[in-house]
All heavy atoms as atom14 arrays in JSON, in Angstrom:
{
  "sequence": "GGTTTYAESAKGRFAISGDNAKNTVYLQMNSLKPEDTAVYYCNAHLQ",
  "atom14_mask": [
    [1, 1, 1, 1, 0, 0, 0, 0, 0, 0, 0, 0, 0, 0],
    [1, 1, 1, 1, 0, 0, 0, 0, 0, 0, 0, 0, 0, 0],
    [1, 1, 1, 1, 1, 1, 1, 0, 0, 0, 0, 0, 0, 0],
    [1, 1, 1, 1, 1, 1, 1, 0, 0, 0, 0, 0, 0, 0],
    [1, 1, 1, 1, 1, 1, 1, 0, 0, 0, 0, 0, 0, 0],
    [1, 1, 1, 1, 1, 1, 1, 1, 1, 1, 1, 1, 0, 0],
    [1, 1, 1, 1, 1, 0, 0, 0, 0, 0, 0, 0, 0, 0],
    [1, 1, 1, 1, 1, 1, 1, 1, 1, 0, 0, 0, 0, 0],
    [1, 1, 1, 1, 1, 1, 0, 0, 0, 0, 0, 0, 0, 0],
    [1, 1, 1, 1, 1, 0, 0, 0, 0, 0, 0, 0, 0, 0],
    [1, 1, 1, 1, 1, 1, 1, 1, 1, 0, 0, 0, 0, 0],
    [1, 1, 1, 1, 0, 0, 0, 0, 0, 0, 0, 0, 0, 0],
    [1, 1, 1, 1, 1, 1, 1, 1, 1, 1, 1, 0, 0, 0],
    [1, 1, 1, 1, 1, 1, 1, 1, 1, 1, 1, 0, 0, 0],
    [1, 1, 1, 1, 1, 0, 0, 0, 0, 0, 0, 0, 0, 0],
    [1, 1, 1, 1, 1, 1, 1, 1, 0, 0, 0, 0, 0, 0],
    [1, 1, 1, 1, 1, 1, 0, 0, 0, 0, 0, 0, 0, 0],
    [1, 1, 1, 1, 0, 0, 0, 0, 0, 0, 0, 0, 0, 0],
    [1, 1, 1, 1, 1, 1, 1, 1, 0, 0, 0, 0, 0, 0],
    [1, 1, 1, 1, 1, 1, 1, 1, 0, 0, 0, 0, 0, 0],
    [1, 1, 1, 1, 1, 0, 0, 0, 0, 0, 0, 0, 0, 0],
    [1, 1, 1, 1, 1, 1, 1, 1, 1, 0, 0, 0, 0, 0],
    [1, 1, 1, 1, 1, 1, 1, 1, 0, 0, 0, 0, 0, 0],
    [1, 1, 1, 1, 1, 1, 1, 0, 0, 0, 0, 0, 0, 0],
    [1, 1, 1, 1, 1, 1, 1, 0, 0, 0, 0, 0, 0, 0],
    [1, 1, 1, 1, 1, 1, 1, 1, 1, 1, 1, 1, 0, 0],
    [1, 1, 1, 1, 1, 1, 1, 1, 0, 0, 0, 0, 0, 0],
    [1, 1, 1, 1, 1, 1, 1, 1, 1, 0, 0, 0, 0, 0],
    [1, 1, 1, 1, 1, 1, 1, 1, 0, 0, 0, 0, 0, 0],
    [1, 1, 1, 1, 1, 1, 1, 1, 0, 0, 0, 0, 0, 0],
    [1, 1, 1, 1, 1, 1, 0, 0, 0, 0, 0, 0, 0, 0],
    [1, 1, 1, 1, 1, 1, 1, 1, 0, 0, 0, 0, 0, 0],
    [1, 1, 1, 1, 1, 1, 1, 1, 1, 0, 0, 0, 0, 0],
    [1, 1, 1, 1, 1, 1, 1, 0, 0, 0, 0, 0, 0, 0],
    [1, 1, 1, 1, 1, 1, 1, 1, 1, 0, 0, 0, 0, 0],
    [1, 1, 1, 1, 1, 1, 1, 1, 0, 0, 0, 0, 0, 0],
    [1, 1, 1, 1, 1, 1, 1, 0, 0, 0, 0, 0, 0, 0],
    [1, 1, 1, 1, 1, 0, 0, 0, 0, 0, 0, 0, 0, 0],
    [1, 1, 1, 1, 1, 1, 1, 0, 0, 0, 0, 0, 0, 0],
    [1, 1, 1, 1, 1, 1, 1, 1, 1, 1, 1, 1, 0, 0],
    [1, 1, 1, 1, 1, 1, 1, 1, 1, 1, 1, 1, 0, 0],
    [1, 1, 1, 1, 1, 1, 0, 0, 0, 0, 0, 0, 0, 0],
    [1, 1, 1, 1, 1, 1, 1, 1, 0, 0, 0, 0, 0, 0],
    [1, 1, 1, 1, 1, 0, 0, 0, 0, 0, 0, 0, 0, 0],
    [1, 1, 1, 1, 1, 1, 1, 1, 1, 1, 0, 0, 0, 0],
    [1, 1, 1, 1, 1, 1, 1, 1, 0, 0, 0, 0, 0, 0],
    [1, 1, 1, 1, 1, 1, 1, 1, 1, 0, 0, 0, 0, 0]
  ],
  "atom14_positions": [
    [[-7.02, 1.3, 4.0], [-7.72, 0.22, 4.67], [-6.81, -0.75, 5.39], [-7.3, -1.68, 6.03], [0.0, 0.0, 0.0], [0.0, 0.0, 0.0], [0.0, 0.0, 0.0], [0.0, 0.0, 0.0], [0.0, 0.0, 0.0], [0.0, 0.0, 0.0], [0.0, 0.0, 0.0], [0.0, 0.0, 0.0], [0.0, 0.0, 0.0], [0.0, 0.0, 0.0]],
    [[-5.5, -0.58, 5.27], [-4.56, -1.42, 6.0], [-3.97, -2.57, 5.22], [-3.21, -3.37, 5.78], [0.0, 0.0, 0.0], [0.0, 0.0, 0.0], [0.0, 0.0, 0.0], [0.0, 0.0, 0.0], [0.0, 0.0, 0.0], [0.0, 0.0, 0.0], [0.0, 0.0, 0.0], [0.0, 0.0, 0.0], [0.0, 0.0, 0.0], [0.0, 0.0, 0.0]],
    [[-4.3, -2.7, 3.94], [-3.73, -3.76, 3.13], [-2.27, -3.45, 2.79], [-1.97, -2.34, 2.35], [-4.53, -3.95, 1.84], [-5.89, -4.26, 2.16], [-3.95, -5.08, 1.0], [0.0, 0.0, 0.0], [0.0, 0.0, 0.0], [0.0, 0.0, 0.0], [0.0, 0.0, 0.0], [0.0, 0.0, 0.0], [0.0, 0.0, 0.0], [0.0, 0.0, 0.0]],
    [[-1.39, -4.41, 2.98], [0.04, -4.19, 2.77], [0.59, -5.09, 1.68], [0.09, -6.2, 1.44], [0.83, -4.43, 4.06], [0.62, -5.77, 4.52], [0.39, -3.46, 5.15], [0.0, 0.0, 0.0], [0.0, 0.0, 0.0], [0.0, 0.0, 0.0], [0.0, 0.0, 0.0], [0.0, 0.0, 0.0], [0.0, 0.0, 0.0], [0.0, 0.0, 0.0]],
    [[1.64, -4.61, 1.02], [2.37, -5.36, 0.02], [3.85, -5.1, 0.22], [4.26, -3.97, 0.46], [1.96, -4.94, -1.4], [0.56, -5.11, -1.58], [2.69, -5.78, -2.45], [0.0, 0.0, 0.0], [0.0, 0.0, 0.0], [0.0, 0.0, 0.0], [0.0, 0.0, 0.0], [0.0, 0.0, 0.0], [0.0, 0.0, 0.0], [0.0, 0.0, 0.0]],
    [[4.66, -6.17, 0.13], [6.09, -6.06, 0.36], [6.88, -6.62, -0.81], [6.46, -7.58, -1.46], [6.51, -6.82, 1.62], [5.95, -6.28, 2.9], [4.76, -6.76, 3.42], [6.62, -5.28, 3.6], [4.24, -6.27, 4.6], [6.11, -4.78, 4.78], [4.92, -5.27, 5.28], [4.41, -4.78, 6.46], [0.0, 0.0, 0.0], [0.0, 0.0, 0.0]],
    [[8.06, -6.04, -1.04], [9.01, -6.66, -1.93], [9.52, -7.95, -1.29], [9.54, -8.08, -0.06], [10.19, -5.72, -2.18], [0.0, 0.0, 0.0], [0.0, 0.0, 0.0], [0.0, 0.0, 0.0], [0.0, 0.0, 0.0], [0.0, 0.0, 0.0], [0.0, 0.0, 0.0], [0.0, 0.0, 0.0], [0.0, 0.0, 0.0], [0.0, 0.0, 0.0]],
    [[9.93, -8.9, -2.11], [10.4, -10.18, -1.59], [11.58, -9.99, -0.63], [11.69, -10.69, 0.37], [10.79, -11.11, -2.73], [9.61, -11.69, -3.49], [8.72, -12.57, -2.64], [9.25, -13.31, -1.78], [7.5, -12.54, -2.82], [0.0, 0.0, 0.0], [0.0, 0.0, 0.0], [0.0, 0.0, 0.0], [0.0, 0.0, 0.0], [0.0, 0.0, 0.0]],
    [[12.44, -9.04, -0.92], [13.61, -8.81, -0.08], [13.25, -8.24, 1.29], [14.06, -8.31, 2.21], [14.58, -7.85, -0.79], [13.96, -6.6, -1.03], [0.0, 0.0, 0.0], [0.0, 0.0, 0.0], [0.0, 0.0, 0.0], [0.0, 0.0, 0.0], [0.0, 0.0, 0.0], [0.0, 0.0, 0.0], [0.0, 0.0, 0.0], [0.0, 0.0, 0.0]],
    [[12.05, -7.69, 1.42], [11.63, -7.06, 2.68], [10.76, -7.97, 3.54], [10.64, -7.72, 4.75], [10.87, -5.77, 2.39], [0.0, 0.0, 0.0], [0.0, 0.0, 0.0], [0.0, 0.0, 0.0], [0.0, 0.0, 0.0], [0.0, 0.0, 0.0], [0.0, 0.0, 0.0], [0.0, 0.0, 0.0], [0.0, 0.0, 0.0], [0.0, 0.0, 0.0]],
    [[10.17, -8.98, 2.96], [9.25, -9.85, 3.69], [9.95, -10.51, 4.88], [11.04, -11.03, 4.76], [8.67, -10.91, 2.77], [7.69, -10.37, 1.74], [7.14, -11.49, 0.87], [6.13, -10.95, -0.14], [5.61, -12.02, -1.03], [0.0, 0.0, 0.0], [0.0, 0.0, 0.0], [0.0, 0.0, 0.0], [0.0, 0.0, 0.0], [0.0, 0.0, 0.0]],
    [[9.28, -10.46, 6.03], [9.81, -11.08, 7.23], [10.75, -10.2, 8.02], [11.05, -10.52, 9.18], [0.0, 0.0, 0.0], [0.0, 0.0, 0.0], [0.0, 0.0, 0.0], [0.0, 0.0, 0.0], [0.0, 0.0, 0.0], [0.0, 0.0, 0.0], [0.0, 0.0, 0.0], [0.0, 0.0, 0.0], [0.0, 0.0, 0.0], [0.0, 0.0, 0.0]],
    [[11.24, -9.12, 7.43], [12.17, -8.22, 8.11], [11.6, -6.82, 8.31], [11.9, -6.17, 9.31], [13.49, -8.13, 7.35], [14.23, -9.44, 7.2], [15.62, -9.22, 6.62], [15.56, -8.62, 5.28], [16.17, -7.48, 4.94], [16.89, -6.83, 5.85], [16.08, -7.01, 3.72], [0.0, 0.0, 0.0], [0.0, 0.0, 0.0], [0.0, 0.0, 0.0]],
    [[10.83, -6.35, 7.34], [10.28, -4.99, 7.38], [8.79, -5.05, 7.65], [8.11, -6.02, 7.28], [10.51, -4.26, 6.05], [11.95, -3.99, 5.71], [12.99, -4.4, 6.53], [12.26, -3.31, 4.54], [14.31, -4.16, 6.21], [13.57, -3.05, 4.2], [14.6, -3.47, 5.03], [0.0, 0.0, 0.0], [0.0, 0.0, 0.0], [0.0, 0.0, 0.0]],
    [[8.27, -4.0, 8.27], [6.84, -3.88, 8.52], [6.4, -2.45, 8.27], [6.96, -1.52, 8.84], [6.5, -4.3, 9.94], [0.0, 0.0, 0.0], [0.0, 0.0, 0.0], [0.0, 0.0, 0.0], [0.0, 0.0, 0.0], [0.0, 0.0, 0.0], [0.0, 0.0, 0.0], [0.0, 0.0, 0.0], [0.0, 0.0, 0.0], [0.0, 0.0, 0.0]],
    [[5.4, -2.29, 7.41], [4.87, -0.97, 7.13], [3.56, -0.79, 7.9], [2.77, -1.73, 8.03], [4.66, -0.76, 5.61], [4.29, 0.69, 5.3], [3.62, -1.72, 5.06], [4.33, 1.02, 3.81], [0.0, 0.0, 0.0], [0.0, 0.0, 0.0], [0.0, 0.0, 0.0], [0.0, 0.0, 0.0], [0.0, 0.0, 0.0], [0.0, 0.0, 0.0]],
    [[3.35, 0.39, 8.41], [2.13, 0.71, 9.13], [1.77, 2.17, 8.87], [2.6, 2.94, 8.4], [2.27, 0.45, 10.63], [3.29, 1.25, 11.19], [0.0, 0.0, 0.0], [0.0, 0.0, 0.0], [0.0, 0.0, 0.0], [0.0, 0.0, 0.0], [0.0, 0.0, 0.0], [0.0, 0.0, 0.0], [0.0, 0.0, 0.0], [0.0, 0.0, 0.0]],
    [[0.53, 2.53, 9.18], [0.1, 3.89, 8.93], [-0.86, 4.4, 9.97], [-1.48, 3.63, 10.71], [0.0, 0.0, 0.0], [0.0, 0.0, 0.0], [0.0, 0.0, 0.0], [0.0, 0.0, 0.0], [0.0, 0.0, 0.0], [0.0, 0.0, 0.0], [0.0, 0.0, 0.0], [0.0, 0.0, 0.0], [0.0, 0.0, 0.0], [0.0, 0.0, 0.0]],
    [[-0.96, 5.7, 10.04], [-1.9, 6.39, 10.93], [-2.74, 7.28, 10.03], [-2.29, 8.34, 9.6], [-1.14, 7.21, 11.97], [-2.06, 7.83, 13.0], [-3.23, 8.12, 12.69], [-1.6, 8.04, 14.15], [0.0, 0.0, 0.0], [0.0, 0.0, 0.0], [0.0, 0.0, 0.0], [0.0, 0.0, 0.0], [0.0, 0.0, 0.0], [0.0, 0.0, 0.0]],
    [[-3.97, 6.86, 9.76], [-4.83, 7.61, 8.85], [-5.14, 9.01, 9.36], [-5.21, 9.96, 8.58], [-6.14, 6.85, 8.62], [-5.97, 5.62, 7.77], [-5.07, 5.53, 6.94], [-6.86, 4.65, 7.95], [0.0, 0.0, 0.0], [0.0, 0.0, 0.0], [0.0, 0.0, 0.0], [0.0, 0.0, 0.0], [0.0, 0.0, 0.0], [0.0, 0.0, 0.0]],
    [[-5.33, 9.15, 10.67], [-5.67, 10.44, 11.24], [-4.54, 11.45, 11.06], [-4.8, 12.65, 10.92], [-6.0, 10.3, 12.72], [0.0, 0.0, 0.0], [0.0, 0.0, 0.0], [0.0, 0.0, 0.0], [0.0, 0.0, 0.0], [0.0, 0.0, 0.0], [0.0, 0.0, 0.0], [0.0, 0.0, 0.0], [0.0, 0.0, 0.0], [0.0, 0.0, 0.0]],
    [[-3.3, 10.97, 11.05], [-2.15, 11.85, 10.91], [-1.58, 11.88, 9.5], [-0.61, 12.62, 9.25], [-1.05, 11.43, 11.89], [-1.43, 11.54, 13.35], [-0.28, 11.1, 14.24], [-0.64, 11.21, 15.71], [0.47, 10.76, 16.6], [0.0, 0.0, 0.0], [0.0, 0.0, 0.0], [0.0, 0.0, 0.0], [0.0, 0.0, 0.0], [0.0, 0.0, 0.0]],
    [[-2.15, 11.09, 8.59], [-1.6, 10.95, 7.24], [-0.1, 10.67, 7.3], [0.71, 11.33, 6.65], [-1.88, 12.2, 6.4], [-3.34, 12.32, 6.02], [-4.01, 11.33, 5.74], [-3.84, 13.55, 5.97], [0.0, 0.0, 0.0], [0.0, 0.0, 0.0], [0.0, 0.0, 0.0], [0.0, 0.0, 0.0], [0.0, 0.0, 0.0], [0.0, 0.0, 0.0]],
    [[0.24, 9.67, 8.09], [1.62, 9.32, 8.35], [1.82, 7.83, 8.11], [0.96, 7.02, 8.44], [2.03, 9.67, 9.79], [1.87, 11.08, 9.99], [3.48, 9.3, 10.05], [0.0, 0.0, 0.0], [0.0, 0.0, 0.0], [0.0, 0.0, 0.0], [0.0, 0.0, 0.0], [0.0, 0.0, 0.0], [0.0, 0.0, 0.0], [0.0, 0.0, 0.0]],
    [[2.97, 7.47, 7.55], [3.31, 6.08, 7.32], [4.67, 5.8, 7.94], [5.53, 6.69, 8.0], [3.31, 5.75, 5.81], [4.44, 6.46, 5.08], [3.39, 4.24, 5.59], [0.0, 0.0, 0.0], [0.0, 0.0, 0.0], [0.0, 0.0, 0.0], [0.0, 0.0, 0.0], [0.0, 0.0, 0.0], [0.0, 0.0, 0.0], [0.0, 0.0, 0.0]],
    [[4.85, 4.57, 8.43], [6.09, 4.15, 9.07], [6.64, 2.91, 8.39], [5.89, 2.11, 7.82], [5.86, 3.84, 10.55], [5.18, 4.96, 11.32], [3.8, 4.99, 11.46], [5.93, 5.98, 11.9], [3.17, 6.01, 12.16], [5.31, 7.0, 12.6], [3.94, 7.01, 12.73], [3.32, 8.03, 13.42], [0.0, 0.0, 0.0], [0.0, 0.0, 0.0]],
    [[7.93, 2.75, 8.46], [8.58, 1.54, 7.99], [9.54, 1.07, 9.06], [10.59, 1.69, 9.28], [9.32, 1.76, 6.67], [9.95, 0.51, 6.05], [8.86, -0.46, 5.58], [10.86, 0.87, 4.88], [0.0, 0.0, 0.0], [0.0, 0.0, 0.0], [0.0, 0.0, 0.0], [0.0, 0.0, 0.0], [0.0, 0.0, 0.0], [0.0, 0.0, 0.0]],
    [[9.18, -0.01, 9.75], [10.06, -0.63, 10.73], [10.96, -1.62, 10.02], [10.47, -2.55, 9.39], [9.25, -1.33, 11.81], [10.09, -2.04, 12.88], [10.87, -1.07, 13.73], [10.33, -0.07, 14.2], [12.15, -1.35, 13.94], [0.0, 0.0, 0.0], [0.0, 0.0, 0.0], [0.0, 0.0, 0.0], [0.0, 0.0, 0.0], [0.0, 0.0, 0.0]],
    [[12.27, -1.42, 10.12], [13.24, -2.25, 9.43], [14.1, -2.97, 10.46], [14.82, -2.33, 11.23], [14.11, -1.41, 8.49], [13.32, -0.63, 7.46], [14.37, 0.2, 6.23], [15.17, 1.41, 7.29], [0.0, 0.0, 0.0], [0.0, 0.0, 0.0], [0.0, 0.0, 0.0], [0.0, 0.0, 0.0], [0.0, 0.0, 0.0], [0.0, 0.0, 0.0]],
    [[14.01, -4.28, 10.47], [14.78, -5.11, 11.4], [15.74, -6.0, 10.62], [15.59, -6.21, 9.42], [13.85, -5.98, 12.24], [12.89, -5.18, 13.09], [13.24, -4.14, 13.63], [11.66, -5.69, 13.23], [0.0, 0.0, 0.0], [0.0, 0.0, 0.0], [0.0, 0.0, 0.0], [0.0, 0.0, 0.0], [0.0, 0.0, 0.0], [0.0, 0.0, 0.0]],
    [[16.73, -6.54, 11.32], [17.71, -7.43, 10.71], [18.3, -6.84, 9.44], [18.38, -7.49, 8.4], [17.08, -8.81, 10.43], [16.58, -9.39, 11.61], [0.0, 0.0, 0.0], [0.0, 0.0, 0.0], [0.0, 0.0, 0.0], [0.0, 0.0, 0.0], [0.0, 0.0, 0.0], [0.0, 0.0, 0.0], [0.0, 0.0, 0.0], [0.0, 0.0, 0.0]],
    [[18.72, -5.6, 9.53], [19.21, -4.89, 8.35], [20.49, -5.51, 7.81], [21.34, -5.98, 8.57], [19.43, -3.42, 8.68], [18.15, -2.58, 8.75], [18.41, -1.27, 9.48], [17.61, -2.32, 7.35], [0.0, 0.0, 0.0], [0.0, 0.0, 0.0], [0.0, 0.0, 0.0], [0.0, 0.0, 0.0], [0.0, 0.0, 0.0], [0.0, 0.0, 0.0]],
    [[20.61, -5.49, 6.5], [21.76, -6.04, 5.79], [22.44, -4.94, 4.99], [21.81, -3.95, 4.63], [21.31, -7.15, 4.83], [20.51, -8.26, 5.48], [19.97, -9.23, 4.43], [19.14, -10.32, 5.05], [18.59, -11.25, 4.03], [0.0, 0.0, 0.0], [0.0, 0.0, 0.0], [0.0, 0.0, 0.0], [0.0, 0.0, 0.0], [0.0, 0.0, 0.0]],
    [[23.73, -5.09, 4.69], [24.41, -4.08, 3.87], [23.7, -3.81, 2.55], [23.73, -2.67, 2.07], [25.8, -4.69, 3.65], [26.02, -5.52, 4.86], [24.67, -6.11, 5.19], [0.0, 0.0, 0.0], [0.0, 0.0, 0.0], [0.0, 0.0, 0.0], [0.0, 0.0, 0.0], [0.0, 0.0, 0.0], [0.0, 0.0, 0.0], [0.0, 0.0, 0.0]],
    [[23.07, -4.81, 1.96], [22.36, -4.61, 0.71], [21.1, -3.76, 0.85], [20.49, -3.39, -0.16], [22.02, -5.95, 0.04], [21.34, -6.94, 0.96], [22.31, -7.95, 1.55], [23.41, -7.54, 2.0], [21.98, -9.15, 1.55], [0.0, 0.0, 0.0], [0.0, 0.0, 0.0], [0.0, 0.0, 0.0], [0.0, 0.0, 0.0], [0.0, 0.0, 0.0]],
    [[20.7, -3.45, 2.08], [19.58, -2.53, 2.31], [20.01, -1.07, 2.19], [19.16, -0.18, 2.22], [18.96, -2.76, 3.68], [18.3, -4.12, 3.81], [17.62, -4.55, 2.86], [18.45, -4.76, 4.87], [0.0, 0.0, 0.0], [0.0, 0.0, 0.0], [0.0, 0.0, 0.0], [0.0, 0.0, 0.0], [0.0, 0.0, 0.0], [0.0, 0.0, 0.0]],
    [[21.3, -0.82, 2.08], [21.81, 0.54, 1.97], [21.24, 1.22, 0.73], [21.38, 0.71, -0.38], [23.33, 0.56, 1.92], [23.86, 0.06, 3.15], [23.86, 1.97, 1.69], [0.0, 0.0, 0.0], [0.0, 0.0, 0.0], [0.0, 0.0, 0.0], [0.0, 0.0, 0.0], [0.0, 0.0, 0.0], [0.0, 0.0, 0.0], [0.0, 0.0, 0.0]],
    [[20.59, 2.36, 0.92], [19.95, 3.08, -0.17], [19.35, 4.37, 0.36], [19.28, 4.58, 1.57], [18.85, 2.22, -0.81], [0.0, 0.0, 0.0], [0.0, 0.0, 0.0], [0.0, 0.0, 0.0], [0.0, 0.0, 0.0], [0.0, 0.0, 0.0], [0.0, 0.0, 0.0], [0.0, 0.0, 0.0], [0.0, 0.0, 0.0], [0.0, 0.0, 0.0]],
    [[18.92, 5.22, -0.56], [18.07, 6.34, -0.2], [16.63, 5.84, -0.25], [16.2, 5.29, -1.26], [18.26, 7.54, -1.14], [17.3, 8.66, -0.77], [19.7, 8.03, -1.09], [0.0, 0.0, 0.0], [0.0, 0.0, 0.0], [0.0, 0.0, 0.0], [0.0, 0.0, 0.0], [0.0, 0.0, 0.0], [0.0, 0.0, 0.0], [0.0, 0.0, 0.0]],
    [[15.91, 6.03, 0.83], [14.53, 5.57, 0.93], [13.58, 6.76, 0.71], [13.7, 7.79, 1.38], [14.27, 4.92, 2.29], [14.86, 3.54, 2.4], [16.24, 3.36, 2.45], [14.04, 2.41, 2.42], [16.79, 2.09, 2.53], [14.58, 1.14, 2.5], [15.95, 0.98, 2.55], [16.49, -0.28, 2.63], [0.0, 0.0, 0.0], [0.0, 0.0, 0.0]],
    [[12.65, 6.58, -0.22], [11.71, 7.63, -0.59], [10.29, 7.25, -0.19], [9.82, 6.16, -0.5], [11.74, 7.88, -2.1], [13.06, 8.41, -2.62], [14.04, 7.54, -3.1], [13.31, 9.78, -2.64], [15.24, 8.02, -3.57], [14.51, 10.26, -3.12], [15.47, 9.38, -3.59], [16.66, 9.86, -4.08], [0.0, 0.0, 0.0], [0.0, 0.0, 0.0]],
    [[9.62, 8.16, 0.46], [8.21, 8.0, 0.78], [7.37, 8.5, -0.39], [7.75, 9.46, -1.08], [7.87, 8.8, 2.04], [6.13, 8.78, 2.52], [0.0, 0.0, 0.0], [0.0, 0.0, 0.0], [0.0, 0.0, 0.0], [0.0, 0.0, 0.0], [0.0, 0.0, 0.0], [0.0, 0.0, 0.0], [0.0, 0.0, 0.0], [0.0, 0.0, 0.0]],
    [[6.24, 7.87, -0.63], [5.32, 8.35, -1.65], [3.88, 8.21, -1.16], [3.58, 7.39, -0.29], [5.52, 7.62, -2.98], [5.06, 6.19, -2.95], [5.75, 5.31, -2.43], [3.88, 5.93, -3.51], [0.0, 0.0, 0.0], [0.0, 0.0, 0.0], [0.0, 0.0, 0.0], [0.0, 0.0, 0.0], [0.0, 0.0, 0.0], [0.0, 0.0, 0.0]],
    [[3.01, 9.03, -1.74], [1.6, 9.0, -1.38], [0.76, 9.31, -2.6], [1.07, 10.23, -3.36], [1.3, 10.01, -0.28], [0.0, 0.0, 0.0], [0.0, 0.0, 0.0], [0.0, 0.0, 0.0], [0.0, 0.0, 0.0], [0.0, 0.0, 0.0], [0.0, 0.0, 0.0], [0.0, 0.0, 0.0], [0.0, 0.0, 0.0], [0.0, 0.0, 0.0]],
    [[-0.29, 8.52, -2.79], [-1.27, 8.77, -3.83], [-2.46, 9.44, -3.15], [-3.12, 8.83, -2.3], [-1.69, 7.47, -4.5], [-2.57, 7.65, -5.69], [-3.88, 7.23, -5.72], [-2.33, 8.23, -6.89], [-4.41, 7.52, -6.9], [-3.49, 8.14, -7.62], [0.0, 0.0, 0.0], [0.0, 0.0, 0.0], [0.0, 0.0, 0.0], [0.0, 0.0, 0.0]],
    [[-2.73, 10.71, -3.49], [-3.72, 11.47, -2.75], [-4.46, 12.46, -3.62], [-4.03, 12.81, -4.73], [-3.06, 12.19, -1.57], [-1.93, 13.18, -1.87], [-2.48, 14.57, -2.19], [-0.97, 13.26, -0.68], [0.0, 0.0, 0.0], [0.0, 0.0, 0.0], [0.0, 0.0, 0.0], [0.0, 0.0, 0.0], [0.0, 0.0, 0.0], [0.0, 0.0, 0.0]],
    [[-5.58, 12.92, -3.07], [-6.35, 13.99, -3.68], [-6.35, 15.17, -2.71], [-6.79, 15.02, -1.57], [-7.78, 13.54, -3.98], [-8.6, 14.58, -4.74], [-10.03, 14.14, -5.0], [-10.68, 13.55, -4.12], [-10.54, 14.41, -6.19], [0.0, 0.0, 0.0], [0.0, 0.0, 0.0], [0.0, 0.0, 0.0], [0.0, 0.0, 0.0], [0.0, 0.0, 0.0]]
  ]
}
């Protein structure tokens, strides 16, 4: 339905969006910091 939730460290810098028709999610990351270095994992709760 488009409701979003962010970690405090991501608020104001990252934006998550989705395309329901394509079952695809995006994460736009701006103003990246060295502490953002990590392996990023996508997850989905589905039937």
